[in-house]
Amino acid sequence: MQIHIVEEGDSLFSLAQMYNSSAAEIAEANELPEPDRLVAGQSVVIPITGSFYDVQEGDSLFEIADKFGISVDELARINQVSMNEPLNVGLRLYIPPLSKTTIETNAYVEPIGDQVSENLIESARNRAPFLTYLAPFSYELNRDGTLKPPLLDDFPAIADENSAALMMVVTNLEEGAFSDNLGAAILTSEEAQNTLLDEIIQEAQEVGYGDIHFDFEYLRPEDKERYNDFLRKAAERLRQEGLLISTALAPKTSADQEGKWYEAHDYGAHGEIVDFVVLMTYEWGYSGGPPMAVSPIGPVREVVEYALTEMPAEKIMLGQNLYGYDWTLPFTPGEDMAEAVSPNEAVRRAYEYNVPIEYDEESQAPTYTYTDEEGDEHEVWFEDARSIEQKFNLIDELGLRGISYWKLGLPFPQNWLILSDRYDVKKL
């Protein structure tokens, strides 16, 4: 699999010639609705076996071999170059495909309204082959511990057909927002907790869930130990029924990090109690905040490195967004809201407004600005093949369990291309 960054004058035909592929295969792989519309700075995934690397100033064969995890002898043999002579800048080297490793993957799917959209069903059906878990979002709590289920529609059947385990997501959402009062009502009542666990087990048996996933957010700081105790109690009961237990954790960088989102999430306790966690390593750039990358690599790494001081790597799933945002400028946090866009839509807008896509090296994320027909300026940050590759590199470097996506519905075909090229996805 090759990632190519479009330059002025590139076309799918020229890329096909460059990489011995076909324009049709490239268009289909990247789900390009108008294949002749490429944007300078756009990443395009070329569906070939292995990849190519163009030698840069200062490169050595040993450094390139180390970069791609191949022996220098093998790299020299395949490309018929000498190990003892300097490489010419611009020389194209072929990098053979490496052995795949196995990871776990999860994707949340969030039906909204009173009917599941065909687009969401189709998205789940298309991506379930790449998933260990499919997670309908979410079962909401009543204060007595009873549950309000989400719309499930075809999701259980889709999961079953693709050997993906269903993840039962339980949240303290109330009237569309995470509620500390609702969380407290459950965590301070043994009766409500018993009711909740009874209902979870019954629903899991009826629907066929394999993992119970608690996403309790914005809890009161004083409820941290109560949440830990509840998880211990839940783990004991759920494991008796053959169920896994997992949690979602706010992106902390220290045990004593202040803020309502963070304080009741005890990384050390969760790492000890549950089977795995999902780190919510996204939303630095969010709809109500100033323009920036949604999951910049530096802050993401800091969260993971802190998590590794509290729990083993095999319990950590990296959270990853499948979307970006388009901010209208000037942007006033708390008053304005950015528009969520898919990576494909972000590229389409760059073409429509005839602006090149830039790549921010610090954040490891693509971005650009444009001016619309009304004269309003916009700033867009999104994901592409390069940015998702950086997250996969982090997973490999630190030996993490896998990756968890928020959320299906907005197309990002390049993610799934690179995922399937690099990994075997574990099926339970």
Protein backbone atom coordinates (compact mmCIF):
# COMPACT_ATOMS: atom_id res chain seq x y z
CA MET A 1 0.00 0.00 0.00
CA GLN A 2 1.43 3.35 -1.07
CA ILE A 3 0.48 6.81 0.23
CA HIS A 4 1.00 9.45 -2.46
CA ILE A 5 0.73 13.18 -1.82
CA VAL A 6 -0.79 14.92 -4.83
CA GLU A 7 1.28 17.58 -6.58
CA GLU A 8 0.17 20.13 -9.17
CA GLY A 9 -0.37 18.33 -12.48
CA ASP A 10 -0.99 14.90 -10.99
CA SER A 11 -3.88 12.85 -12.32
CA LEU A 12 -5.14 9.39 -11.50
CA PHE A 13 -3.78 8.28 -14.87
CA SER A 14 -0.29 9.58 -14.05
CA LEU A 15 -0.43 8.02 -10.58
CA ALA A 16 -1.49 4.70 -12.08
CA GLN A 17 1.48 4.82 -14.44
CA MET A 18 3.84 5.85 -11.64
CA TYR A 19 2.88 2.91 -9.41
CA ASN A 20 1.88 0.29 -11.99
CA SER A 21 -1.76 0.40 -10.88
CA SER A 22 -4.93 1.53 -12.65
CA ALA A 23 -6.90 4.76 -12.36
CA ALA A 24 -10.09 2.77 -11.74
CA GLU A 25 -8.55 0.81 -8.87
CA ILE A 26 -7.22 3.99 -7.23
CA ALA A 27 -10.56 5.76 -7.60
CA GLU A 28 -12.47 2.81 -6.16
CA ALA A 29 -10.10 2.28 -3.24
CA ASN A 30 -10.28 5.94 -2.18
CA GLU A 31 -14.01 6.24 -2.99
CA LEU A 32 -13.37 9.24 -5.23
CA PRO A 33 -16.74 10.31 -6.67
CA GLU A 34 -15.05 12.48 -9.33
CA PRO A 35 -11.67 10.89 -10.07
CA ASP A 36 -10.42 13.79 -12.18
CA ARG A 37 -10.71 16.20 -9.25
CA LEU A 38 -7.46 15.95 -7.28
CA VAL A 39 -6.20 18.64 -4.92
CA ALA A 40 -2.57 19.61 -4.32
CA GLY A 41 -1.61 18.27 -0.90
CA GLN A 42 -4.30 15.55 -0.92
CA SER A 43 -3.24 12.07 0.19
CA VAL A 44 -4.18 9.20 -2.11
CA VAL A 45 -3.75 5.55 -1.16
CA ILE A 46 -2.46 3.44 -4.04
CA PRO A 47 -3.67 -0.19 -3.70
CA ILE A 48 -0.46 -2.02 -4.55
CA THR A 49 1.51 -4.76 -2.82
CA GLY A 50 4.31 -3.19 -0.83
CA SER A 51 5.34 0.43 -1.31
CA PHE A 52 8.03 2.69 -2.75
CA TYR A 53 10.40 5.10 -1.06
CA ASP A 54 12.27 7.92 -2.79
CA VAL A 55 15.73 8.45 -1.31
CA GLN A 56 16.14 11.82 0.45
CA GLU A 57 19.28 13.87 1.08
CA GLY A 58 21.30 12.22 3.87
CA ASP A 59 19.54 8.86 3.69
CA SER A 60 21.49 5.65 4.05
CA LEU A 61 20.40 2.14 3.18
CA PHE A 62 20.74 1.14 6.82
CA GLU A 63 18.46 3.99 7.99
CA ILE A 64 15.84 3.21 5.38
CA ALA A 65 15.90 -0.49 6.25
CA ASP A 66 15.45 0.37 9.94
CA LYS A 67 12.62 2.83 9.14
CA PHE A 68 10.61 0.14 7.37
CA GLY A 69 11.55 -2.81 9.59
CA ILE A 70 13.38 -4.80 6.93
CA SER A 71 16.90 -6.20 6.94
CA VAL A 72 19.43 -4.12 5.04
CA ASP A 73 20.58 -7.25 3.17
CA GLU A 74 17.04 -7.91 1.95
CA LEU A 75 16.47 -4.27 0.97
CA ALA A 76 19.74 -4.21 -1.01
CA ARG A 77 18.99 -7.53 -2.72
CA ILE A 78 15.43 -6.61 -3.77
CA ASN A 79 16.53 -3.27 -5.20
CA GLN A 80 19.87 -4.52 -6.58
CA VAL A 81 21.92 -1.81 -4.88
CA SER A 82 25.24 -2.01 -3.08
CA MET A 83 25.32 -1.76 0.70
CA ASN A 84 28.73 -0.12 0.51
CA GLU A 85 27.99 2.77 -1.84
CA PRO A 86 26.01 5.97 -1.13
CA LEU A 87 22.47 6.18 -2.47
CA ASN A 88 21.55 8.69 -5.15
CA VAL A 89 18.96 11.25 -4.03
CA GLY A 90 15.66 10.51 -5.79
CA LEU A 91 16.39 6.80 -6.26
CA ARG A 92 13.15 4.88 -5.88
CA LEU A 93 13.42 1.82 -3.64
CA TYR A 94 10.78 -0.91 -3.45
CA ILE A 95 9.73 -1.84 0.09
CA PRO A 96 8.14 -5.31 0.26
CA PRO A 97 5.03 -5.85 2.41
CA LEU A 98 5.82 -6.64 6.02
CA SER A 99 4.27 -9.35 8.15
CA LYS A 100 0.97 -8.29 9.64
CA THR A 101 0.41 -8.07 13.37
CA THR A 102 -2.92 -8.72 15.09
CA ILE A 103 -4.90 -6.04 16.90
CA GLU A 104 -8.43 -5.56 18.21
CA THR A 105 -10.68 -2.89 16.75
CA ASN A 106 -13.93 -1.30 17.83
CA ALA A 107 -16.30 1.18 16.22
CA TYR A 108 -19.19 2.97 17.85
CA VAL A 109 -22.33 3.46 15.81
CA GLU A 110 -24.83 6.07 16.98
CA PRO A 111 -28.37 5.98 15.60
CA ILE A 112 -30.09 9.35 16.09
CA GLY A 113 -33.84 10.02 16.02
CA ASP A 114 -36.60 7.46 15.81
CA GLN A 115 -35.20 5.48 12.87
CA VAL A 116 -31.80 4.11 11.92
CA SER A 117 -30.67 5.69 8.65
CA GLU A 118 -29.82 3.50 5.67
CA ASN A 119 -26.45 5.25 5.50
CA LEU A 120 -25.60 4.14 9.05
CA ILE A 121 -26.70 0.57 8.40
CA GLU A 122 -24.65 0.46 5.21
CA SER A 123 -21.63 1.94 6.97
CA ALA A 124 -21.84 -0.72 9.70
CA ARG A 125 -22.23 -3.46 7.11
CA ASN A 126 -19.23 -2.26 5.09
CA ARG A 127 -16.91 -1.85 8.08
CA ALA A 128 -17.91 -4.80 10.29
CA PRO A 129 -15.41 -7.10 8.51
CA PHE A 130 -12.65 -4.87 9.93
CA LEU A 131 -14.00 -4.95 13.50
CA THR A 132 -13.52 -7.02 16.62
CA TYR A 133 -16.39 -5.15 18.29
CA LEU A 134 -19.39 -3.20 17.01
CA ALA A 135 -20.76 -0.82 19.64
CA PRO A 136 -24.31 0.61 19.31
CA PHE A 137 -24.37 3.87 21.28
CA SER A 138 -25.95 3.78 23.81
CA TYR A 139 -28.05 2.28 26.60
CA GLU A 140 -29.06 5.22 28.77
CA LEU A 141 -29.76 4.88 32.48
CA ASN A 142 -32.86 5.69 34.43
CA ARG A 143 -32.26 6.72 38.04
CA ASP A 144 -33.65 3.44 39.35
CA GLY A 145 -31.07 1.46 37.32
CA THR A 146 -33.37 0.43 34.50
CA LEU A 147 -32.16 0.89 30.93
CA LYS A 148 -33.38 2.69 27.83
CA PRO A 149 -31.99 0.77 24.83
CA PRO A 150 -30.79 2.36 21.60
CA LEU A 151 -32.21 1.54 18.22
CA LEU A 152 -30.52 -1.71 17.23
CA ASP A 153 -32.15 -2.40 13.85
CA ASP A 154 -29.81 -4.71 11.87
CA PHE A 155 -26.70 -4.17 14.02
CA PRO A 156 -26.81 -7.51 15.88
CA ALA A 157 -27.23 -9.41 12.60
CA ILE A 158 -24.45 -7.42 10.93
CA ALA A 159 -22.11 -8.15 13.82
CA ASP A 160 -22.98 -11.84 13.77
CA GLU A 161 -22.53 -12.15 9.99
CA ASN A 162 -19.03 -10.66 10.29
CA SER A 163 -17.90 -12.46 13.47
CA ALA A 164 -17.75 -9.13 15.32
CA ALA A 165 -18.67 -9.12 19.00
CA LEU A 166 -21.41 -6.73 20.04
CA MET A 167 -20.34 -4.19 22.63
CA MET A 168 -23.10 -2.98 24.96
CA VAL A 169 -22.40 0.67 25.73
CA VAL A 170 -23.99 1.94 28.97
CA THR A 171 -23.91 5.69 29.61
CA ASN A 172 -25.07 8.26 32.16
CA LEU A 173 -26.61 10.36 29.41
CA GLU A 174 -29.76 12.22 30.40
CA GLU A 175 -31.64 14.56 28.08
CA GLY A 176 -28.76 14.53 25.63
CA ALA A 177 -25.92 15.30 28.08
CA PHE A 178 -23.76 13.36 30.52
CA SER A 179 -25.23 13.88 33.99
CA ASP A 180 -23.25 13.84 37.22
CA ASN A 181 -26.52 13.71 39.16
CA LEU A 182 -27.65 10.62 37.28
CA GLY A 183 -24.24 9.05 37.87
CA ALA A 184 -24.49 9.81 41.58
CA ALA A 185 -27.99 8.34 41.77
CA ILE A 186 -26.65 5.02 40.50
CA LEU A 187 -23.33 5.00 42.36
CA THR A 188 -24.89 5.80 45.75
CA SER A 189 -27.67 3.21 45.52
CA GLU A 190 -27.04 -0.52 45.94
CA GLU A 191 -30.59 -1.20 44.79
CA ALA A 192 -30.13 0.79 41.55
CA GLN A 193 -26.81 -0.96 40.88
CA ASN A 194 -28.34 -4.40 41.38
CA THR A 195 -31.21 -3.51 39.07
CA LEU A 196 -28.77 -2.19 36.49
CA LEU A 197 -26.61 -5.31 36.51
CA ASP A 198 -29.68 -7.58 36.35
CA GLU A 199 -30.94 -5.67 33.30
CA ILE A 200 -27.53 -5.65 31.63
CA ILE A 201 -27.17 -9.41 31.97
CA GLN A 202 -30.69 -10.07 30.72
CA GLU A 203 -30.21 -7.77 27.70
CA ALA A 204 -26.79 -9.24 26.95
CA GLN A 205 -28.24 -12.73 26.87
CA GLU A 206 -31.23 -11.74 24.73
CA VAL A 207 -29.34 -9.65 22.16
CA GLY A 208 -26.01 -11.47 22.20
CA TYR A 209 -23.53 -8.95 23.61
CA GLY A 210 -19.98 -10.07 24.35
CA ASP A 211 -18.63 -7.00 26.13
CA ILE A 212 -20.24 -4.55 28.55
CA HIS A 213 -18.76 -1.08 28.11
CA PHE A 214 -19.31 1.62 30.75
CA ASP A 215 -18.98 5.17 29.47
CA PHE A 216 -19.74 7.21 32.59
CA GLU A 217 -18.57 10.79 32.05
CA TYR A 218 -18.53 14.04 34.03
CA LEU A 219 -19.04 12.21 37.31
CA ARG A 220 -18.62 14.10 40.58
CA PRO A 221 -15.01 13.91 41.84
CA GLU A 222 -16.29 12.53 45.15
CA ASP A 223 -17.82 9.58 43.24
CA LYS A 224 -14.44 8.30 41.97
CA GLU A 225 -14.13 5.51 44.57
CA ARG A 226 -17.82 4.70 44.25
CA TYR A 227 -17.31 4.25 40.51
CA ASN A 228 -14.31 2.00 41.15
CA ASP A 229 -16.32 -0.09 43.63
CA PHE A 230 -19.22 -0.36 41.19
CA LEU A 231 -16.85 -1.59 38.46
CA ARG A 232 -15.44 -4.24 40.82
CA LYS A 233 -18.94 -5.41 41.58
CA ALA A 234 -19.92 -5.35 37.89
CA ALA A 235 -16.78 -7.23 36.84
CA GLU A 236 -17.48 -10.05 39.27
CA ARG A 237 -21.06 -10.52 38.11
CA LEU A 238 -20.40 -10.06 34.38
CA ARG A 239 -17.50 -12.49 34.29
CA GLN A 240 -19.67 -15.11 35.94
CA GLU A 241 -21.85 -14.81 32.83
CA GLY A 242 -18.89 -15.09 30.46
CA LEU A 243 -18.96 -11.39 29.55
CA LEU A 244 -16.07 -9.00 29.10
CA ILE A 245 -16.09 -5.60 30.80
CA SER A 246 -14.52 -2.40 29.48
CA THR A 247 -14.64 1.33 30.13
CA ALA A 248 -14.14 4.61 28.28
CA LEU A 249 -11.63 6.97 29.88
CA ALA A 250 -11.18 10.72 29.50
CA PRO A 251 -7.74 11.66 28.06
CA LYS A 252 -5.68 12.29 31.19
CA THR A 253 -1.96 12.96 31.44
CA SER A 254 -1.63 12.63 35.23
CA ALA A 255 -3.47 10.97 38.11
CA ASP A 256 -4.36 14.31 39.72
CA GLN A 257 -5.48 16.11 36.56
CA GLU A 258 -8.16 18.63 37.46
CA GLY A 259 -11.42 19.13 35.63
CA LYS A 260 -14.85 17.57 35.84
CA TRP A 261 -14.26 15.28 32.87
CA TYR A 262 -11.14 13.77 34.44
CA GLU A 263 -11.24 13.55 38.20
CA ALA A 264 -13.53 10.52 38.68
CA HIS A 265 -11.64 8.44 36.09
CA ASP A 266 -9.01 6.44 37.97
CA TYR A 267 -6.67 4.96 35.36
CA GLY A 268 -4.93 2.68 37.84
CA ALA A 269 -8.17 1.21 39.19
CA HIS A 270 -9.72 0.72 35.74
CA GLY A 271 -6.54 -0.93 34.53
CA GLU A 272 -6.74 -3.37 37.43
CA ILE A 273 -10.49 -4.08 37.25
CA VAL A 274 -11.62 -4.21 33.62
CA ASP A 275 -10.53 -6.28 30.65
CA PHE A 276 -9.64 -3.25 28.55
CA VAL A 277 -10.17 0.50 28.26
CA VAL A 278 -10.84 2.91 25.40
CA LEU A 279 -8.88 6.14 25.73
CA MET A 280 -10.93 9.02 24.32
CA THR A 281 -7.90 10.49 22.55
CA TYR A 282 -9.77 12.93 20.32
CA GLU A 283 -11.74 16.19 20.49
CA TRP A 284 -8.85 18.54 21.20
CA GLY A 285 -10.35 20.31 18.23
CA TYR A 286 -14.12 20.08 18.81
CA SER A 287 -17.31 21.64 17.53
CA GLY A 288 -17.54 24.23 20.32
CA GLY A 289 -13.85 25.09 20.57
CA PRO A 290 -11.26 26.95 18.50
CA PRO A 291 -9.89 25.49 15.25
CA MET A 292 -7.20 22.85 15.71
CA ALA A 293 -6.49 19.20 14.92
CA VAL A 294 -9.05 16.83 16.43
CA SER A 295 -6.43 14.32 17.58
CA PRO A 296 -2.97 15.92 17.39
CA ILE A 297 -0.26 13.30 17.73
CA GLY A 298 1.66 15.01 20.56
CA PRO A 299 -1.21 15.23 23.07
CA VAL A 300 -2.40 11.75 22.03
CA ARG A 301 1.03 10.32 22.80
CA GLU A 302 1.13 12.09 26.19
CA VAL A 303 -2.16 10.47 27.22
CA VAL A 304 -1.04 7.00 26.14
CA GLU A 305 2.33 7.33 27.85
CA TYR A 306 0.61 8.31 31.10
CA ALA A 307 -1.85 5.40 30.74
CA LEU A 308 1.08 3.01 30.39
CA THR A 309 2.27 4.03 33.86
CA GLU A 310 -1.07 2.83 35.25
CA MET A 311 -1.94 -0.26 33.20
CA PRO A 312 -0.41 -2.75 30.76
CA ALA A 313 -0.36 -1.92 27.05
CA GLU A 314 -2.50 -4.95 26.21
CA LYS A 315 -5.43 -3.31 28.01
CA ILE A 316 -5.33 -0.05 26.04
CA MET A 317 -7.36 0.73 22.91
CA LEU A 318 -6.47 4.04 21.30
CA GLY A 319 -9.46 6.24 20.55
CA GLN A 320 -9.57 7.68 17.03
CA ASN A 321 -11.94 10.06 15.24
CA LEU A 322 -13.23 9.31 11.75
CA TYR A 323 -14.11 12.94 10.99
CA GLY A 324 -12.88 16.52 11.02
CA TYR A 325 -14.41 19.97 11.48
CA ASP A 326 -15.02 23.06 9.37
CA TRP A 327 -14.91 26.25 11.47
CA THR A 328 -16.39 29.54 10.20
CA LEU A 329 -14.14 32.44 11.21
CA PRO A 330 -14.05 34.46 13.35
CA PHE A 331 -15.05 31.69 15.76
CA THR A 332 -16.40 32.46 19.24
CA PRO A 333 -16.11 29.45 21.58
CA GLY A 334 -19.31 28.88 23.49
CA GLU A 335 -21.41 30.66 20.87
CA ASP A 336 -20.45 29.22 17.48
CA MET A 337 -20.36 25.58 16.42
CA ALA A 338 -18.08 23.99 13.84
CA GLU A 339 -19.53 21.63 11.25
CA ALA A 340 -18.45 17.97 11.36
CA VAL A 341 -17.17 16.76 7.97
CA SER A 342 -15.86 13.48 6.65
CA PRO A 343 -12.30 13.36 5.30
CA ASN A 344 -13.74 12.87 1.80
CA GLU A 345 -15.97 15.93 2.19
CA ALA A 346 -13.04 17.98 3.46
CA VAL A 347 -11.08 17.15 0.29
CA ARG A 348 -14.10 17.94 -1.88
CA ARG A 349 -14.39 21.40 -0.34
CA ALA A 350 -10.70 22.08 -0.91
CA TYR A 351 -11.25 21.29 -4.59
CA GLU A 352 -14.46 23.34 -4.77
CA TYR A 353 -12.76 26.43 -3.37
CA ASN A 354 -9.48 25.80 -5.24
CA VAL A 355 -7.17 25.77 -2.22
CA PRO A 356 -4.25 23.41 -1.56
CA ILE A 357 -4.23 21.11 1.45
CA GLU A 358 -1.39 21.69 3.88
CA TYR A 359 -0.03 19.19 6.39
CA ASP A 360 0.80 20.36 9.89
CA GLU A 361 3.91 18.47 10.95
CA GLU A 362 3.49 19.22 14.66
CA SER A 363 -0.08 17.93 14.85
CA GLN A 364 0.42 15.39 12.06
CA ALA A 365 -2.90 16.42 10.52
CA PRO A 366 -4.07 17.98 7.23
CA THR A 367 -5.61 21.47 7.23
CA TYR A 368 -6.50 24.39 4.96
CA THR A 369 -8.44 27.65 4.88
CA TYR A 370 -10.90 28.90 2.29
CA THR A 371 -13.35 31.75 1.66
CA ASP A 372 -16.93 30.82 0.79
CA GLU A 373 -19.42 32.50 -1.56
CA GLU A 374 -20.63 34.78 1.24
CA GLY A 375 -17.12 36.04 1.88
CA ASP A 376 -16.77 34.13 5.15
CA GLU A 377 -13.39 32.58 5.91
CA HIS A 378 -13.21 28.95 7.04
CA GLU A 379 -10.56 26.78 8.67
CA VAL A 380 -10.71 23.01 8.21
CA TRP A 381 -8.89 20.26 10.10
CA PHE A 382 -9.46 16.62 9.26
CA GLU A 383 -7.82 13.17 8.98
CA ASP A 384 -6.08 11.53 6.05
CA ALA A 385 -3.88 8.53 5.27
CA ARG A 386 -0.82 10.23 6.76
CA SER A 387 -2.47 11.18 10.05
CA ILE A 388 -4.01 7.75 10.59
CA GLU A 389 -0.68 6.10 9.76
CA GLN A 390 0.88 8.08 12.62
CA LYS A 391 -1.69 6.61 15.03
CA PHE A 392 -1.00 3.08 13.79
CA ASN A 393 2.72 3.73 14.25
CA LEU A 394 2.02 4.73 17.85
CA ILE A 395 -0.01 1.55 18.45
CA ASP A 396 2.84 -0.56 17.10
CA GLU A 397 5.59 1.33 18.92
CA LEU A 398 3.87 1.03 22.30
CA GLY A 399 2.33 -2.41 21.80
CA LEU A 400 -1.27 -1.33 22.39
CA ARG A 401 -4.27 -3.66 22.24
CA GLY A 402 -5.81 -1.85 19.29
CA ILE A 403 -7.93 1.05 18.13
CA SER A 404 -11.48 2.25 18.78
CA TYR A 405 -13.29 4.54 16.33
CA TRP A 406 -15.75 7.31 17.08
CA LYS A 407 -17.86 6.87 15.00
CA LEU A 408 -19.24 5.16 11.87
CA GLY A 409 -21.28 7.11 9.35
CA LEU A 410 -18.86 9.63 7.80
CA PRO A 411 -16.74 8.00 5.06
CA PHE A 412 -12.99 7.66 5.61
CA PRO A 413 -12.03 4.84 3.23
CA GLN A 414 -8.28 5.43 3.59
CA ASN A 415 -8.39 4.38 7.24
CA TRP A 416 -9.79 0.96 6.39
CA LEU A 417 -7.37 0.48 3.49
CA ILE A 418 -4.35 1.10 5.69
CA LEU A 419 -5.80 -0.88 8.62
CA SER A 420 -6.32 -3.97 6.47
CA ASP A 421 -2.88 -3.59 4.88
CA ARG A 422 -1.07 -3.45 8.22
CA TYR A 423 -3.08 -5.72 10.51
CA ASP A 424 -5.03 -8.89 10.97
CA VAL A 425 -8.10 -7.97 13.01
CA LYS A 426 -8.80 -10.30 15.88
CA LYS A 427 -12.22 -11.92 15.89
CA LEU A 428 -13.52 -13.32 19.20
